[in-house]
Structure formats: C-alpha cells, structure tokens
Amino acid sequence: MKMIAWNCQGAGSDTFRTHAYELHRRHHPDILIIVEPRIAEGRAQAVIDTLPYTHSRKVDPTGFSRGIWLLWNESSSFNVEILTHNDHSLHALVKVKSPSITFVLTAIYASPNFAKRKIFWNYLENLATTINLPWVLLGDFNDMISEDEKMDGLPLNKTRIAAFRNCLDKCGLMDL
C-alpha cells in the first residue's frame, strides 16, 4: 500500500492538477493526503472530482488557511472508514486484507500558531490513550523536532521543539 502526503498550498491551480496526475501516474498511491489546499468548499469538491480517486473526505479550510483532503481508490485489497475529524485532523480506519493489517490513519494540518498547536498536541496526546492499533500520522505538523531539519532563517525556538518532541513521546510516535 502506498500513501503520500502533500502540502500543496494551492490546489485550485491548473498546475496542481497536472502535478497530481503526474504523481498518480508515477507512484500510484492508494491514498493521497492533500493539506493546505487553500480553496474552499464547493470549489474544493469540484477539483477533487477531477482527480483520479473514487473516494474522498475533506476538512474545509477557514478562509485560506488549513484544509485537509483524504483521497483514495478503494479496492479489493483494502478499505477506508472515516472515524472522525476536527479543524486540524481527519482520522480513518484502514483495513488491508492481505496481509491482514488494520491501522488508524490520521491526516494532519496543524496550526501555524504555536498556542493553537499546543492545544492540538494535547488533543493528540489524549487521543493516543484510546488507540490500540498501529497509528500512522501524515501531513504538516508545522513544527520540527530538530534544528537539523531547518535551513536558513531565524533559529528554531527550543520551547517549541521540546513541546513537539514531548507530544511525540507521549503519543508513542516516532518520526520516520
């Protein structure tokens, strides 16, 4: 099973569709997660309907920020069941038939605002206590766990790095 998460920042453009089809042609992802598409409800659905996926669920953006699209082609080898969503995440149960594997998939677009992100980290920490299956989180966390991930610009805030690392630790997650 192949999954790709893409922070595209502008899914309304013609170049987005071209790139989405090329991504699909080259990699054949079974599940595609688009975060920060920057287009709203009706227009978003019109774009989603043109993509090479038979199923979708979206979390609409607020203005031109946020937004999550989860796209998939259900087949005889797996199925997707949407569990819940909020402003910053969409949760699904993915059942792969052979080999028999079931896992929780969370598509994430965390707020660029640190105070809101800390609230979201707490949400994930509480959610982690209820999940007893393998858990895959993909998307844009809008944070880094190491200064090695950053190139140029202002130095990273060590408090923010520590908060994100703490969240990952409390959730029992690892950065791949």
C-alpha atoms as a PDB file:
ATOM      1  CA  MET A   1       0.000   0.000   0.000  1.00  0.00           C
ATOM      2  CA  LYS A   2       1.322   3.436  -0.943  1.00  0.00           C
ATOM      3  CA  MET A   3       0.349   6.651   0.816  1.00  0.00           C
ATOM      4  CA  ILE A   4       1.553  10.155   0.012  1.00  0.00           C
ATOM      5  CA  ALA A   5       1.004  13.363   1.985  1.00  0.00           C
ATOM      6  CA  TRP A   6       1.417  16.618   0.062  1.00  0.00           C
ATOM      7  CA  ASN A   7       1.336  20.182   1.400  1.00  0.00           C
ATOM      8  CA  CYS A   8       0.404  21.811  -1.875  1.00  0.00           C
ATOM      9  CA  GLN A   9      -0.627  25.365  -0.835  1.00  0.00           C
ATOM     10  CA  GLY A  10      -2.871  25.994  -3.815  1.00  0.00           C
ATOM     11  CA  ALA A  11      -4.938  23.131  -5.182  1.00  0.00           C
ATOM     12  CA  GLY A  12      -7.053  25.454  -7.302  1.00  0.00           C
ATOM     13  CA  SER A  13      -4.422  25.984  -9.980  1.00  0.00           C
ATOM     14  CA  ASP A  14      -4.108  24.102 -13.263  1.00  0.00           C
ATOM     15  CA  THR A  15      -0.532  23.194 -12.351  1.00  0.00           C
ATOM     16  CA  PHE A  16      -1.853  21.427  -9.242  1.00  0.00           C
ATOM     17  CA  ARG A  17      -3.986  19.075 -11.359  1.00  0.00           C
ATOM     18  CA  THR A  18      -1.055  18.434 -13.703  1.00  0.00           C
ATOM     19  CA  HIS A  19       1.215  17.595 -10.774  1.00  0.00           C
ATOM     20  CA  ALA A  20      -1.473  15.483  -9.066  1.00  0.00           C
ATOM     21  CA  TYR A  21      -1.951  13.372 -12.197  1.00  0.00           C
ATOM     22  CA  GLU A  22       1.815  13.023 -12.661  1.00  0.00           C
ATOM     23  CA  LEU A  23       2.188  11.975  -9.011  1.00  0.00           C
ATOM     24  CA  HIS A  24      -0.541   9.388  -9.524  1.00  0.00           C
ATOM     25  CA  ARG A  25       0.961   8.139 -12.804  1.00  0.00           C
ATOM     26  CA  ARG A  26       4.462   7.747 -11.359  1.00  0.00           C
ATOM     27  CA  HIS A  27       3.735   6.425  -7.875  1.00  0.00           C
ATOM     28  CA  HIS A  28       0.180   5.004  -7.926  1.00  0.00           C
ATOM     29  CA  PRO A  29      -0.616   5.978  -4.324  1.00  0.00           C
ATOM     30  CA  ASP A  30      -3.606   4.136  -2.906  1.00  0.00           C
ATOM     31  CA  ILE A  31      -4.186   7.055  -0.534  1.00  0.00           C
ATOM     32  CA  LEU A  32      -3.312  10.687  -1.190  1.00  0.00           C
ATOM     33  CA  ILE A  33      -3.471  13.308   1.545  1.00  0.00           C
ATOM     34  CA  ILE A  34      -3.503  16.947   0.490  1.00  0.00           C
ATOM     35  CA  VAL A  35      -3.029  19.530   3.229  1.00  0.00           C
ATOM     36  CA  GLU A  36      -3.384  23.301   2.990  1.00  0.00           C
ATOM     37  CA  PRO A  37      -5.168  23.225  -0.375  1.00  0.00           C
ATOM     38  CA  ARG A  38      -6.249  26.872   0.114  1.00  0.00           C
ATOM     39  CA  ILE A  39      -9.589  26.547  -1.657  1.00  0.00           C
ATOM     40  CA  ALA A  40     -12.996  26.385  -0.053  1.00  0.00           C
ATOM     41  CA  GLU A  41     -15.938  24.009  -0.047  1.00  0.00           C
ATOM     42  CA  GLY A  42     -17.730  23.959  -3.427  1.00  0.00           C
ATOM     43  CA  ARG A  43     -14.663  24.770  -5.481  1.00  0.00           C
ATOM     44  CA  ALA A  44     -12.650  22.228  -3.496  1.00  0.00           C
ATOM     45  CA  GLN A  45     -15.139  19.461  -4.278  1.00  0.00           C
ATOM     46  CA  ALA A  46     -15.090  20.395  -7.978  1.00  0.00           C
ATOM     47  CA  VAL A  47     -11.284  19.971  -8.008  1.00  0.00           C
ATOM     48  CA  ILE A  48     -11.445  16.728  -6.009  1.00  0.00           C
ATOM     49  CA  ASP A  49     -13.962  15.343  -8.511  1.00  0.00           C
ATOM     50  CA  THR A  50     -11.430  15.824 -11.337  1.00  0.00           C
ATOM     51  CA  LEU A  51      -8.710  13.790  -9.599  1.00  0.00           C
ATOM     52  CA  PRO A  52      -8.102  10.075 -10.235  1.00  0.00           C
ATOM     53  CA  TYR A  53      -9.675   8.911  -6.955  1.00  0.00           C
ATOM     54  CA  THR A  54     -13.080   7.366  -6.383  1.00  0.00           C
ATOM     55  CA  HIS A  55     -13.486   8.312  -2.709  1.00  0.00           C
ATOM     56  CA  SER A  56     -12.711  11.412  -0.702  1.00  0.00           C
ATOM     57  CA  ARG A  57     -13.317  13.191   2.571  1.00  0.00           C
ATOM     58  CA  LYS A  58     -12.277  16.725   3.354  1.00  0.00           C
ATOM     59  CA  VAL A  59     -11.930  19.117   6.238  1.00  0.00           C
ATOM     60  CA  ASP A  60     -12.749  22.538   4.847  1.00  0.00           C
ATOM     61  CA  PRO A  61     -10.327  25.399   5.410  1.00  0.00           C
ATOM     62  CA  THR A  62     -11.037  28.531   7.364  1.00  0.00           C
ATOM     63  CA  GLY A  63     -10.549  31.293   4.820  1.00  0.00           C
ATOM     64  CA  PHE A  64      -7.348  30.393   3.007  1.00  0.00           C
ATOM     65  CA  SER A  65      -5.722  28.515   5.872  1.00  0.00           C
ATOM     66  CA  ARG A  66      -5.879  24.873   6.852  1.00  0.00           C
ATOM     67  CA  GLY A  67      -7.843  22.280   4.978  1.00  0.00           C
ATOM     68  CA  ILE A  68      -7.251  18.547   4.562  1.00  0.00           C
ATOM     69  CA  TRP A  69      -8.260  16.231   1.739  1.00  0.00           C
ATOM     70  CA  LEU A  70      -8.080  12.459   2.091  1.00  0.00           C
ATOM     71  CA  LEU A  71      -8.419  10.740  -1.294  1.00  0.00           C
ATOM     72  CA  TRP A  72      -8.379   7.025  -2.042  1.00  0.00           C
ATOM     73  CA  ASN A  73      -9.341   4.355  -4.526  1.00  0.00           C
ATOM     74  CA  GLU A  74     -10.995   1.626  -2.573  1.00  0.00           C
ATOM     75  CA  SER A  75     -10.207  -1.792  -3.934  1.00  0.00           C
ATOM     76  CA  SER A  76     -10.484  -5.450  -3.100  1.00  0.00           C
ATOM     77  CA  SER A  77      -7.175  -5.183  -1.193  1.00  0.00           C
ATOM     78  CA  PHE A  78      -8.157  -2.516   1.386  1.00  0.00           C
ATOM     79  CA  ASN A  79     -10.945  -0.259   2.599  1.00  0.00           C
ATOM     80  CA  VAL A  80     -11.116   3.059   4.428  1.00  0.00           C
ATOM     81  CA  GLU A  81     -13.639   4.007   7.088  1.00  0.00           C
ATOM     82  CA  ILE A  82     -13.711   7.635   8.238  1.00  0.00           C
ATOM     83  CA  LEU A  83     -13.795   7.799  12.041  1.00  0.00           C
ATOM     84  CA  THR A  84     -13.851  11.489  12.935  1.00  0.00           C
ATOM     85  CA  HIS A  85     -12.330  14.858  12.144  1.00  0.00           C
ATOM     86  CA  ASN A  86     -11.674  18.296  13.585  1.00  0.00           C
ATOM     87  CA  ASP A  87     -10.198  21.536  12.248  1.00  0.00           C
ATOM     88  CA  HIS A  88      -6.660  20.115  12.223  1.00  0.00           C
ATOM     89  CA  SER A  89      -7.024  16.393  11.565  1.00  0.00           C
ATOM     90  CA  LEU A  90      -9.007  13.688   9.841  1.00  0.00           C
ATOM     91  CA  HIS A  91      -8.966  10.143  11.262  1.00  0.00           C
ATOM     92  CA  ALA A  92      -9.681   6.959   9.339  1.00  0.00           C
ATOM     93  CA  LEU A  93      -9.530   3.231   9.942  1.00  0.00           C
ATOM     94  CA  VAL A  94      -7.675   1.459   7.142  1.00  0.00           C
ATOM     95  CA  LYS A  95      -8.168  -2.283   6.749  1.00  0.00           C
ATOM     96  CA  VAL A  96      -5.693  -4.055   4.485  1.00  0.00           C
ATOM     97  CA  LYS A  97      -6.875  -7.530   3.538  1.00  0.00           C
ATOM     98  CA  SER A  98      -3.629  -9.302   2.668  1.00  0.00           C
ATOM     99  CA  PRO A  99      -1.629  -9.370   4.788  1.00  0.00           C
ATOM    100  CA  SER A 100      -4.349  -8.669   7.293  1.00  0.00           C
ATOM    101  CA  ILE A 101      -3.458  -5.312   8.853  1.00  0.00           C
ATOM    102  CA  THR A 102      -5.705  -2.671  10.367  1.00  0.00           C
ATOM    103  CA  PHE A 103      -4.387   0.730  11.380  1.00  0.00           C
ATOM    104  CA  VAL A 104      -5.559   4.228  12.220  1.00  0.00           C
ATOM    105  CA  LEU A 105      -4.543   6.861   9.695  1.00  0.00           C
ATOM    106  CA  THR A 106      -4.533  10.496  10.781  1.00  0.00           C
ATOM    107  CA  ALA A 107      -4.129  13.259   8.211  1.00  0.00           C
ATOM    108  CA  ILE A 108      -2.840  16.428   9.885  1.00  0.00           C
ATOM    109  CA  TYR A 109      -2.545  20.104   9.167  1.00  0.00           C
ATOM    110  CA  ALA A 110      -1.512  21.702  12.468  1.00  0.00           C
ATOM    111  CA  SER A 111      -1.974  25.414  13.009  1.00  0.00           C
ATOM    112  CA  PRO A 112       0.994  27.681  12.295  1.00  0.00           C
ATOM    113  CA  ASN A 113       0.061  29.436  15.557  1.00  0.00           C
ATOM    114  CA  PHE A 114       2.065  27.898  18.422  1.00  0.00           C
ATOM    115  CA  ALA A 115      -0.645  28.401  21.071  1.00  0.00           C
ATOM    116  CA  LYS A 116      -3.212  26.608  18.881  1.00  0.00           C
ATOM    117  CA  ARG A 117      -0.670  23.930  18.007  1.00  0.00           C
ATOM    118  CA  LYS A 118      -0.077  23.222  21.718  1.00  0.00           C
ATOM    119  CA  ILE A 119      -3.823  22.662  22.130  1.00  0.00           C
ATOM    120  CA  PHE A 120      -3.709  20.269  19.186  1.00  0.00           C
ATOM    121  CA  TRP A 121      -0.716  18.416  20.698  1.00  0.00           C
ATOM    122  CA  ASN A 122      -2.791  17.921  23.881  1.00  0.00           C
ATOM    123  CA  TYR A 123      -5.659  16.599  21.751  1.00  0.00           C
ATOM    124  CA  LEU A 124      -3.325  14.073  20.097  1.00  0.00           C
ATOM    125  CA  GLU A 125      -1.915  13.022  23.473  1.00  0.00           C
ATOM    126  CA  ASN A 126      -5.437  12.334  24.785  1.00  0.00           C
ATOM    127  CA  LEU A 127      -6.404  10.562  21.564  1.00  0.00           C
ATOM    128  CA  ALA A 128      -3.326   8.333  21.764  1.00  0.00           C
ATOM    129  CA  THR A 129      -4.623   6.810  25.013  1.00  0.00           C
ATOM    130  CA  THR A 130      -7.682   5.497  23.119  1.00  0.00           C
ATOM    131  CA  ILE A 131      -5.887   3.980  20.138  1.00  0.00           C
ATOM    132  CA  ASN A 132      -4.887   0.328  20.440  1.00  0.00           C
ATOM    133  CA  LEU A 133      -3.924  -0.240  16.794  1.00  0.00           C
ATOM    134  CA  PRO A 134      -0.896   0.835  14.787  1.00  0.00           C
ATOM    135  CA  TRP A 135      -1.205   4.586  14.163  1.00  0.00           C
ATOM    136  CA  VAL A 136       0.135   6.451  11.140  1.00  0.00           C
ATOM    137  CA  LEU A 137       0.105  10.261  11.131  1.00  0.00           C
ATOM    138  CA  LEU A 138       0.853  12.094   7.883  1.00  0.00           C
ATOM    139  CA  GLY A 139       0.685  15.725   6.914  1.00  0.00           C
ATOM    140  CA  ASP A 140       2.071  19.046   8.066  1.00  0.00           C
ATOM    141  CA  PHE A 141       2.765  19.365  11.774  1.00  0.00           C
ATOM    142  CA  ASN A 142       4.099  22.922  11.285  1.00  0.00           C
ATOM    143  CA  ASP A 143       6.912  22.062  13.666  1.00  0.00           C
ATOM    144  CA  MET A 144      10.297  20.374  13.717  1.00  0.00           C
ATOM    145  CA  ILE A 145      11.927  18.028  16.187  1.00  0.00           C
ATOM    146  CA  SER A 146      15.496  19.006  15.394  1.00  0.00           C
ATOM    147  CA  GLU A 147      17.451  22.036  14.244  1.00  0.00           C
ATOM    148  CA  ASP A 148      18.944  19.741  11.568  1.00  0.00           C
ATOM    149  CA  GLU A 149      15.611  19.936   9.704  1.00  0.00           C
ATOM    150  CA  LYS A 150      15.898  23.707   9.247  1.00  0.00           C
ATOM    151  CA  MET A 151      17.842  25.595   6.626  1.00  0.00           C
ATOM    152  CA  ASP A 152      18.339  29.372   6.849  1.00  0.00           C
ATOM    153  CA  GLY A 153      16.151  31.920   8.554  1.00  0.00           C
ATOM    154  CA  LEU A 154      15.752  32.541  12.233  1.00  0.00           C
ATOM    155  CA  PRO A 155      16.890  29.844  14.678  1.00  0.00           C
ATOM    156  CA  LEU A 156      14.254  27.439  15.951  1.00  0.00           C
ATOM    157  CA  ASN A 157      12.573  28.100  19.263  1.00  0.00           C
ATOM    158  CA  LYS A 158      13.774  25.422  21.695  1.00  0.00           C
ATOM    159  CA  THR A 159      10.488  25.573  23.650  1.00  0.00           C
ATOM    160  CA  ARG A 160       8.549  24.710  20.504  1.00  0.00           C
ATOM    161  CA  ILE A 161      10.935  21.871  19.637  1.00  0.00           C
ATOM    162  CA  ALA A 162      10.575  20.474  23.167  1.00  0.00           C
ATOM    163  CA  ALA A 163       6.755  20.725  23.066  1.00  0.00           C
ATOM    164  CA  PHE A 164       6.573  18.823  19.776  1.00  0.00           C
ATOM    165  CA  ARG A 165       9.055  16.164  20.932  1.00  0.00           C
ATOM    166  CA  ASN A 166       7.089  15.786  24.164  1.00  0.00           C
ATOM    167  CA  CYS A 167       3.883  15.258  22.176  1.00  0.00           C
ATOM    168  CA  LEU A 168       5.517  12.584  20.013  1.00  0.00           C
ATOM    169  CA  ASP A 169       6.903  10.845  23.104  1.00  0.00           C
ATOM    170  CA  LYS A 170       3.587  10.902  24.984  1.00  0.00           C
ATOM    171  CA  CYS A 171       1.802   9.527  21.909  1.00  0.00           C
ATOM    172  CA  GLY A 172       4.391   6.764  21.478  1.00  0.00           C
ATOM    173  CA  LEU A 173       5.229   8.035  17.977  1.00  0.00           C
ATOM    174  CA  MET A 174       8.464   8.183  16.038  1.00  0.00           C
ATOM    175  CA  ASP A 175       9.481  10.439  13.181  1.00  0.00           C
ATOM    176  CA  LEU A 176      10.265   8.368  10.125  1.00  0.00           C
END
